[in-house]
N, C-alpha and C. Protein backbone atom coordinates (compact mmCIF):
# COMPACT_ATOMS: atom_id res chain seq x y z
N MET A 1 96.47 107.80 103.90
CA MET A 1 96.36 106.82 102.87
C MET A 1 95.13 106.65 102.37
N THR A 2 94.97 106.18 101.50
CA THR A 2 93.28 105.97 100.51
C THR A 2 93.89 104.77 99.53
N ARG A 3 92.63 103.91 99.56
CA ARG A 3 92.66 102.97 98.49
C ARG A 3 92.21 103.64 97.25
N ASN A 4 93.14 102.67 95.97
CA ASN A 4 93.54 103.71 94.63
C ASN A 4 93.35 102.19 93.62
N TRP A 5 92.32 102.56 93.29
CA TRP A 5 91.97 101.61 91.98
C TRP A 5 92.88 101.39 91.10
N GLU A 6 93.82 102.04 90.12
CA GLU A 6 94.08 101.59 89.34
C GLU A 6 95.72 101.61 90.41
N ILE A 7 96.31 101.25 91.21
CA ILE A 7 97.05 100.41 92.02
C ILE A 7 96.66 99.68 92.07
N ILE A 8 95.37 99.10 92.60
CA ILE A 8 94.93 97.57 92.87
C ILE A 8 94.91 97.36 91.39
N ARG A 9 94.65 97.68 90.35
CA ARG A 9 94.26 96.87 89.25
C ARG A 9 95.69 96.39 88.57
N GLU A 10 96.25 96.95 88.93
CA GLU A 10 98.07 97.18 88.64
C GLU A 10 98.46 95.71 89.64
N ILE A 11 98.23 95.90 90.31
CA ILE A 11 99.09 95.01 91.05
C ILE A 11 98.09 93.13 90.97
N LEU A 12 97.61 93.67 90.51
CA LEU A 12 96.28 92.21 90.27
C LEU A 12 96.88 91.95 88.53
N LEU A 13 96.83 92.67 88.28
CA LEU A 13 97.47 92.27 86.54
C LEU A 13 99.09 92.06 86.90
N ARG A 14 100.09 92.79 87.04
CA ARG A 14 101.15 92.01 87.10
C ARG A 14 101.29 90.83 87.89
N LEU A 15 100.91 90.71 89.28
CA LEU A 15 100.83 89.01 89.70
C LEU A 15 100.37 88.08 89.36
N GLU A 16 99.46 88.26 88.25
CA GLU A 16 98.43 87.06 87.43
C GLU A 16 100.13 86.59 86.02
N SER A 17 100.31 88.24 85.29
CA SER A 17 101.25 87.62 84.68
C SER A 17 102.76 86.20 85.02
N THR A 18 102.92 86.59 86.41
CA THR A 18 103.87 86.35 86.74
C THR A 18 103.53 84.45 87.11
N ASN A 19 104.18 84.21 86.37
CA ASN A 19 103.61 82.41 85.49
C ASN A 19 104.58 81.51 86.32
N THR A 20 105.49 82.40 86.63
CA THR A 20 107.08 81.69 87.61
C THR A 20 106.39 81.52 88.77
N PRO A 21 106.47 79.65 89.49
CA PRO A 21 106.66 79.29 90.86
C PRO A 21 107.23 80.24 91.88
N ASN A 22 106.91 80.67 92.82
CA ASN A 22 108.05 81.87 93.74
C ASN A 22 107.96 83.11 93.38
N ALA A 23 106.96 83.25 92.34
CA ALA A 23 108.05 84.39 91.72
C ALA A 23 106.65 85.46 93.05
N TYR A 24 107.30 86.95 93.00
CA TYR A 24 106.86 87.41 93.95
C TYR A 24 106.70 89.32 92.97
N VAL A 25 105.60 89.92 93.58
CA VAL A 25 106.04 91.49 92.97
C VAL A 25 106.16 92.14 94.58
N ASN A 26 107.24 92.82 93.95
CA ASN A 26 107.46 93.98 94.99
C ASN A 26 106.95 95.65 95.21
N SER A 27 106.83 96.23 96.20
CA SER A 27 106.78 97.59 96.49
C SER A 27 107.07 98.62 95.84
N ASP A 28 108.68 98.86 95.34
CA ASP A 28 109.20 99.20 94.36
C ASP A 28 109.86 99.00 92.76
N ASN A 29 108.82 98.15 93.03
CA ASN A 29 109.16 97.98 91.10
C ASN A 29 108.01 98.30 90.15
N PHE A 30 107.36 99.21 90.72
CA PHE A 30 106.21 99.80 91.07
C PHE A 30 106.94 101.65 89.76
N GLU A 31 107.28 101.45 88.70
CA GLU A 31 107.85 102.66 88.23
C GLU A 31 106.62 104.25 88.35
N GLY A 32 107.16 105.49 89.01
CA GLY A 32 106.56 106.55 88.52
C GLY A 32 105.09 106.50 89.85
N LEU A 33 105.05 105.51 90.58
CA LEU A 33 104.03 105.12 91.56
C LEU A 33 105.28 105.21 93.04
N PRO A 34 104.27 105.99 93.89
CA PRO A 34 105.49 106.17 95.60
C PRO A 34 104.60 104.42 95.88
N GLU A 35 106.21 103.93 96.10
CA GLU A 35 106.63 103.04 97.18
C GLU A 35 105.38 102.44 98.08
N GLN A 36 105.25 103.33 98.62
CA GLN A 36 104.19 103.58 100.37
C GLN A 36 102.82 103.23 99.77
N GLU A 37 102.47 103.94 99.01
CA GLU A 37 101.44 103.36 98.15
C GLU A 37 101.30 102.17 97.95
N VAL A 38 101.08 102.02 96.41
CA VAL A 38 101.48 100.17 96.49
C VAL A 38 101.90 99.53 97.97
N ALA A 39 102.85 100.02 98.10
CA ALA A 39 102.32 98.99 99.86
C ALA A 39 101.29 99.06 100.86
N TYR A 40 100.86 99.95 100.76
CA TYR A 40 99.62 100.04 101.00
C TYR A 40 98.20 99.65 100.52
N ASN A 41 97.85 99.53 99.59
CA ASN A 41 97.10 98.90 98.52
C ASN A 41 97.54 97.37 98.76
N MET A 42 98.52 96.85 98.21
CA MET A 42 98.62 95.17 98.71
C MET A 42 98.34 95.11 99.65
N GLN A 43 98.55 95.80 101.25
CA GLN A 43 98.14 95.35 101.98
C GLN A 43 96.50 95.41 102.17
N LEU A 44 96.01 95.87 101.84
CA LEU A 44 94.72 96.44 101.95
C LEU A 44 94.21 94.97 100.88
N LEU A 45 94.57 94.49 99.66
CA LEU A 45 94.11 93.57 98.92
C LEU A 45 94.42 92.09 99.82
N SER A 46 95.65 92.34 100.56
CA SER A 46 95.84 90.79 101.49
C SER A 46 94.98 90.79 102.58
N ASP A 47 94.05 92.45 103.02
CA ASP A 47 93.27 91.93 104.08
C ASP A 47 92.05 91.32 103.46
N ALA A 48 91.79 92.00 102.16
CA ALA A 48 90.17 91.33 101.32
C ALA A 48 90.59 89.31 101.05
N GLY A 49 91.66 89.40 101.27
CA GLY A 49 91.20 88.16 100.84
C GLY A 49 91.99 88.01 99.55
N CYS A 50 92.38 88.44 99.02
CA CYS A 50 92.12 88.19 96.95
C CYS A 50 93.78 88.20 96.88
N ILE A 51 95.08 88.47 97.77
CA ILE A 51 95.97 88.02 97.28
C ILE A 51 97.07 87.61 98.35
N GLU A 52 97.81 86.53 98.51
CA GLU A 52 98.78 86.34 99.75
C GLU A 52 99.87 87.59 99.90
N ALA A 53 100.39 87.87 100.62
CA ALA A 53 101.44 89.12 100.62
C ALA A 53 102.36 88.88 101.98
N ARG A 54 103.51 89.51 101.79
CA ARG A 54 104.58 89.42 103.03
C ARG A 54 104.86 91.23 102.98
N ILE A 55 104.24 91.18 104.02
CA ILE A 55 104.46 92.75 104.61
C ILE A 55 104.93 93.41 105.63
N LEU A 56 105.74 94.25 106.27
CA LEU A 56 106.47 94.38 107.08
C LEU A 56 106.23 95.68 107.21
N ASN A 57 105.87 95.86 108.67
CA ASN A 57 105.03 97.33 108.91
C ASN A 57 106.73 97.54 109.98
N SER A 58 106.51 99.16 110.22
CA SER A 58 107.80 99.25 110.41
C SER A 58 107.55 99.39 112.43
N SER A 59 108.73 99.54 112.98
CA SER A 59 108.42 99.20 114.40
C SER A 59 108.28 100.15 115.30
N SER A 60 108.60 101.22 114.35
CA SER A 60 108.48 102.98 115.01
C SER A 60 107.44 103.59 114.81
N GLY A 61 106.41 103.14 114.90
CA GLY A 61 105.19 103.85 114.97
C GLY A 61 104.78 104.95 114.36
N ASP A 62 105.39 105.12 112.72
CA ASP A 62 104.81 105.81 112.32
C ASP A 62 104.25 105.76 111.18
N GLY A 63 103.77 104.74 111.09
CA GLY A 63 102.87 104.13 110.00
C GLY A 63 103.43 103.28 108.43
N LYS A 64 104.83 103.71 108.58
CA LYS A 64 105.24 103.59 107.45
C LYS A 64 105.25 101.90 107.08
N ILE A 65 105.67 101.39 105.97
CA ILE A 65 105.63 100.35 105.60
C ILE A 65 107.12 99.43 104.99
N ASN A 66 107.65 98.77 105.48
CA ASN A 66 108.99 98.77 105.28
C ASN A 66 108.97 98.05 103.82
N ALA A 67 108.03 97.18 103.83
CA ALA A 67 108.65 96.10 102.97
C ALA A 67 107.69 95.48 102.56
N ALA A 68 106.99 95.26 100.91
CA ALA A 68 105.61 95.06 100.46
C ALA A 68 106.04 93.36 99.27
N MET A 69 106.29 92.44 99.80
CA MET A 69 105.97 91.65 98.83
C MET A 69 104.47 91.10 98.23
N ALA A 70 103.74 91.14 96.71
CA ALA A 70 102.63 89.78 96.44
C ALA A 70 103.18 88.98 96.19
N ILE A 71 102.63 87.88 96.86
CA ILE A 71 103.39 86.41 96.37
C ILE A 71 102.52 85.83 95.34
N ARG A 72 101.31 85.58 95.59
CA ARG A 72 100.13 85.35 94.56
C ARG A 72 98.42 85.74 94.49
N LEU A 73 98.20 85.24 93.64
CA LEU A 73 96.61 85.65 93.89
C LEU A 73 96.47 84.69 94.23
N LYS A 74 94.85 84.42 95.18
CA LYS A 74 94.17 83.59 95.96
C LYS A 74 92.79 83.88 94.33
N ASN A 75 91.42 82.89 95.18
CA ASN A 75 90.84 82.72 94.25
C ASN A 75 89.95 84.23 94.23
N SER A 76 89.75 85.31 95.15
CA SER A 76 89.00 86.15 94.69
C SER A 76 89.60 86.65 94.43
N GLY A 77 90.92 87.00 94.71
CA GLY A 77 92.08 88.45 93.85
C GLY A 77 91.32 87.69 91.99
N HIS A 78 91.33 86.40 91.43
CA HIS A 78 91.65 86.11 90.25
C HIS A 78 89.93 86.38 90.14
N ASP A 79 88.78 86.15 90.41
CA ASP A 79 87.90 86.74 91.01
C ASP A 79 87.59 88.27 90.15
N LEU A 80 88.21 89.18 91.27
CA LEU A 80 88.31 90.33 90.88
C LEU A 80 88.89 90.81 89.84
N LEU A 81 89.53 90.61 89.13
CA LEU A 81 90.83 90.88 88.18
C LEU A 81 89.70 90.15 86.56
N ASP A 82 89.27 89.20 87.25
CA ASP A 82 88.45 88.61 85.60
C ASP A 82 87.37 90.17 86.01
N ALA A 83 86.41 90.30 86.17
CA ALA A 83 85.74 91.41 86.67
C ALA A 83 86.56 93.32 86.02
N ILE A 84 87.83 93.15 86.49
CA ILE A 84 88.60 94.74 85.89
C ILE A 84 89.40 94.10 84.45
N ARG A 85 89.65 92.92 84.36
CA ARG A 85 90.50 93.31 83.25
C ARG A 85 90.74 93.13 82.53
N ASN A 86 89.38 93.58 81.03
CA ASN A 86 89.55 94.48 79.82
C ASN A 86 89.40 95.51 80.36
N GLU A 87 90.26 96.53 79.59
CA GLU A 87 90.52 97.87 79.51
C GLU A 87 88.92 98.53 78.97
N SER A 88 88.41 97.99 78.36
CA SER A 88 87.16 98.40 77.72
C SER A 88 85.92 98.22 79.79
N VAL A 89 86.30 97.66 80.52
CA VAL A 89 85.47 96.64 80.96
C VAL A 89 84.90 97.77 82.20
N TRP A 90 87.16 98.04 82.25
CA TRP A 90 87.52 99.01 83.12
C TRP A 90 86.91 99.74 83.47
N ASN A 91 86.89 100.62 82.30
CA ASN A 91 86.70 102.22 81.61
C ASN A 91 85.06 102.41 81.92
N LYS A 92 84.39 101.38 82.24
CA LYS A 92 83.07 101.36 81.68
C LYS A 92 82.71 101.26 83.64
N VAL A 93 83.27 100.49 84.71
CA VAL A 93 83.05 100.20 85.84
C VAL A 93 83.27 101.25 86.45
N LYS A 94 84.64 102.32 86.06
CA LYS A 94 84.96 103.39 86.78
C LYS A 94 83.38 105.28 86.75
N GLU A 95 83.57 104.74 84.75
CA GLU A 95 83.01 105.52 84.55
C GLU A 95 81.46 105.24 85.47
N LYS A 96 80.75 104.20 85.69
CA LYS A 96 79.78 103.57 86.22
C LYS A 96 79.72 104.33 87.82
N PHE A 97 80.68 104.33 88.73
CA PHE A 97 81.00 104.60 89.85
C PHE A 97 81.41 106.30 90.34
N THR A 98 81.89 106.46 88.65
CA THR A 98 81.82 108.14 89.43
C THR A 98 80.43 109.06 88.68
N SER A 99 79.50 108.09 87.86
CA SER A 99 78.24 109.13 87.73
C SER A 99 77.18 108.87 88.63
N SER A 100 77.59 108.06 89.61
CA SER A 100 76.21 107.36 90.09
C SER A 100 77.66 108.83 92.03
N GLY A 101 78.74 108.99 92.07
CA GLY A 101 79.05 109.24 93.00
C GLY A 101 78.91 107.95 94.72
N ILE A 102 79.25 106.97 93.91
CA ILE A 102 79.34 106.49 94.85
C ILE A 102 80.96 105.73 95.58
N ASP A 103 81.05 105.20 96.02
CA ASP A 103 82.42 104.89 96.53
C ASP A 103 82.55 103.42 95.52
N MET A 104 83.89 103.10 95.39
CA MET A 104 84.70 101.62 94.92
C MET A 104 84.77 100.62 96.43
N THR A 105 83.40 99.84 96.16
CA THR A 105 84.28 98.31 97.13
C THR A 105 84.82 97.56 96.68
N ILE A 106 85.58 96.12 97.11
CA ILE A 106 85.69 95.12 96.26
C ILE A 106 84.82 94.40 95.58
N ASP A 107 83.50 94.44 96.70
CA ASP A 107 82.15 93.56 96.02
C ASP A 107 81.64 94.34 94.85
N LEU A 108 81.06 96.19 95.18
CA LEU A 108 80.34 96.60 94.13
C LEU A 108 81.14 96.92 92.86
N VAL A 109 82.35 96.46 92.68
CA VAL A 109 83.58 96.30 91.96
C VAL A 109 83.23 95.39 91.21
N MET A 110 83.11 94.71 91.87
CA MET A 110 83.06 93.09 91.27
C MET A 110 82.15 92.89 90.92
N SER A 111 80.64 92.83 90.96
CA SER A 111 80.40 92.86 90.78
C SER A 111 79.57 93.26 89.32
N VAL A 112 79.67 95.07 89.55
CA VAL A 112 79.00 96.09 88.59
C VAL A 112 80.25 95.40 87.15
N GLY A 113 81.19 94.87 87.25
CA GLY A 113 82.73 94.85 86.14
C GLY A 113 81.26 93.36 86.07
N LYS A 114 80.99 92.84 86.53
CA LYS A 114 80.36 90.55 86.27
C LYS A 114 79.47 91.55 85.03
N ARG A 115 77.67 92.08 85.63
CA ARG A 115 77.12 93.13 84.86
C ARG A 115 77.81 93.11 83.48
N ILE A 116 78.55 94.42 82.93
CA ILE A 116 79.23 94.74 82.75
C ILE A 116 80.06 93.65 81.12
N VAL A 117 80.37 93.03 81.81
CA VAL A 117 80.61 91.81 80.56
C VAL A 117 79.50 90.73 80.81
N GLU A 118 78.95 90.96 81.51
CA GLU A 118 77.43 89.80 80.79
C GLU A 118 76.47 90.85 79.38
N ALA A 119 75.95 92.44 80.09
CA ALA A 119 75.93 92.86 79.26
C ALA A 119 76.38 92.73 77.26
N MET A 120 77.78 92.59 77.83
CA MET A 120 78.83 92.70 76.13
C MET A 120 78.57 91.46 75.60
N LEU A 121 78.53 90.04 76.50
CA LEU A 121 77.95 89.34 76.13
C LEU A 121 76.17 88.91 75.12
N SER A 122 75.38 89.83 75.28
CA SER A 122 74.36 89.42 75.35
C SER A 122 73.73 89.89 73.29
C-alpha cells in the first residue's frame, strides 16, 4: 500500500472540522475511497505524530487493518494542514513536486507549502 496525499489531506480536513470534543473520524466514512487505503493513511499520520488514532490490525497476519479511527489533530498535524489547507496552495504544492520529480514527504510538503504561502503574502 502507498501513501496517498489526497487521502491524507482529506483526513486532516475532516478531523479539523469535528468541533465536538470526543468526536472522531472512522476510516469507513470516506465515500468513494477504499477503507483499507484510508485506514493505512491514518496509520501513517499517527506514526508521524500528526494525529492521535486508534488502529486495530488484523490478528490473522494478512496485513489488513480491521478498524481505524482518527481522534484528534496533534500540533504537527495542525502545522501540516495549515501548509496545505488552501486549495490553491495545495495545487501548487502538488505541481511543484510533480514538476521536480521528487517524492512528497511530510517535512517537504510542509516546507514547500509554507514557502508558497509566504510568496502569496509578499
